[in-house]
Amino acid sequence: MRIFLLKSCDTCRRALRELRAAGHEPEITDIRADGIPPAELERFLDAFGEALVNRRSTTWRGLDDAERSRDPKALLADYPTLMKRPVIEAGGRLYLGWGPQVRQVLLG
């Protein structure tokens, strides 16, 4: 299991805490410190499309209209904190966010 997160994100910390409590020990990638590897970004965009861009983030609110209209791949490469998170890879599948459906699948 791998988790792509921001260590400062409350939702990401909660997801990591709950996964560990359930006996998982995911490999962690902090997208701010480590960035998003280009191959992973491509995979995430293939799986989630535009939903991968977090349009409610403070980073998004700080962008002007010209930046916001850029291709999601280029935008996320330049601003990795715009990625909706966490992205979790488990059992060969990708999951976006830490909503009830994702928790149900990963925690049982």
Protein backbone atom coordinates (compact mmCIF):
# COMPACT_ATOMS: atom_id res chain seq x y z
CA MET A 1 0.00 0.00 0.00
CA ARG A 2 1.21 3.48 -0.89
CA ILE A 3 -0.23 6.84 0.11
CA PHE A 4 0.45 10.19 -1.53
CA LEU A 5 -0.33 12.98 0.91
CA LEU A 6 0.57 16.28 2.48
CA LYS A 7 1.89 15.78 6.00
CA SER A 8 0.24 19.05 7.05
CA CYS A 9 -3.21 18.00 5.76
CA ASP A 10 -5.67 16.99 8.51
CA THR A 11 -7.53 14.56 6.24
CA CYS A 12 -4.26 12.91 5.20
CA ARG A 13 -3.11 12.57 8.82
CA ARG A 14 -6.47 11.04 9.76
CA ALA A 15 -6.27 8.59 6.84
CA LEU A 16 -2.74 7.56 7.78
CA ARG A 17 -3.68 7.15 11.45
CA GLU A 18 -6.75 5.02 10.62
CA LEU A 19 -4.84 2.88 8.11
CA ARG A 20 -2.11 2.21 10.66
CA ALA A 21 -4.68 1.39 13.34
CA ALA A 22 -6.16 -1.16 10.92
CA GLY A 23 -2.76 -2.85 10.61
CA HIS A 24 -1.52 -1.26 7.38
CA GLU A 25 1.89 0.35 7.12
CA PRO A 26 1.72 2.32 3.87
CA GLU A 27 4.73 3.67 2.01
CA ILE A 28 4.41 7.45 2.26
CA THR A 29 5.11 10.09 -0.39
CA ASP A 30 4.74 13.68 0.80
CA ILE A 31 3.78 15.54 -2.36
CA ARG A 32 5.14 18.86 -1.07
CA ALA A 33 8.54 17.52 0.00
CA ASP A 34 8.96 14.76 -2.59
CA GLY A 35 6.82 16.01 -5.48
CA ILE A 36 4.68 13.77 -7.64
CA PRO A 37 6.74 11.51 -9.91
CA PRO A 38 5.71 12.20 -13.55
CA ALA A 39 4.72 8.58 -14.20
CA GLU A 40 2.53 8.57 -11.08
CA LEU A 41 0.93 11.88 -12.03
CA GLU A 42 0.07 10.45 -15.44
CA ARG A 43 -1.47 7.36 -13.81
CA PHE A 44 -3.48 9.47 -11.37
CA LEU A 45 -4.81 11.68 -14.17
CA ASP A 46 -5.75 8.61 -16.21
CA ALA A 47 -7.67 7.25 -13.22
CA PHE A 48 -9.32 10.42 -11.90
CA GLY A 49 -9.13 13.05 -14.64
CA GLU A 50 -9.92 16.61 -13.61
CA ALA A 51 -11.19 15.40 -10.22
CA LEU A 52 -7.53 15.15 -9.22
CA VAL A 53 -7.32 18.97 -9.11
CA ASN A 54 -8.51 20.30 -5.76
CA ARG A 55 -10.42 23.44 -6.67
CA ARG A 56 -11.22 24.16 -3.01
CA SER A 57 -7.57 24.50 -1.93
CA THR A 58 -5.87 27.70 -0.86
CA THR A 59 -3.36 27.14 -3.66
CA TRP A 60 -6.20 27.14 -6.23
CA ARG A 61 -7.69 30.33 -4.77
CA GLY A 62 -4.29 32.01 -5.16
CA LEU A 63 -4.08 31.29 -8.90
CA ASP A 64 -5.22 33.76 -11.54
CA ASP A 65 -7.59 32.75 -14.35
CA ALA A 66 -4.75 32.14 -16.81
CA GLU A 67 -3.10 29.64 -14.43
CA ARG A 68 -6.41 27.95 -13.64
CA SER A 69 -7.11 27.35 -17.33
CA ARG A 70 -3.86 25.42 -17.87
CA ASP A 71 -3.74 21.70 -18.60
CA PRO A 72 -4.21 19.74 -15.32
CA LYS A 73 -0.99 17.78 -15.87
CA ALA A 74 1.13 20.92 -16.21
CA LEU A 75 -0.72 22.61 -13.37
CA LEU A 76 -0.17 19.70 -10.96
CA ALA A 77 3.46 19.35 -12.03
CA ASP A 78 4.05 23.02 -11.12
CA TYR A 79 1.77 23.06 -8.05
CA PRO A 80 1.70 19.56 -6.49
CA THR A 81 -0.29 20.82 -3.50
CA LEU A 82 -3.24 21.31 -5.89
CA MET A 83 -3.70 17.54 -5.97
CA LYS A 84 -6.77 16.29 -4.16
CA ARG A 85 -5.54 14.00 -1.44
CA PRO A 86 -4.77 11.52 -0.27
CA VAL A 87 -4.26 9.26 -3.26
CA ILE A 88 -3.94 5.68 -2.03
CA GLU A 89 -2.76 2.71 -4.02
CA ALA A 90 -3.84 -0.62 -2.56
CA GLY A 91 -4.27 -4.01 -4.18
CA GLY A 92 -3.50 -2.62 -7.62
CA ARG A 93 -6.27 0.01 -7.39
CA LEU A 94 -6.14 3.75 -6.87
CA TYR A 95 -8.41 5.62 -4.45
CA LEU A 96 -8.89 9.38 -4.23
CA GLY A 97 -9.69 11.13 -0.97
CA TRP A 98 -10.71 9.70 2.38
CA GLY A 99 -14.48 9.60 2.07
CA PRO A 100 -16.81 6.93 3.47
CA GLN A 101 -16.55 4.69 0.39
CA VAL A 102 -12.75 4.67 0.41
CA ARG A 103 -12.69 4.02 4.17
CA GLN A 104 -15.15 1.15 3.76
CA VAL A 105 -13.02 -0.53 1.09
CA LEU A 106 -9.67 -0.06 2.83
CA LEU A 107 -10.69 -0.51 6.45
CA GLY A 108 -13.47 -3.07 6.02
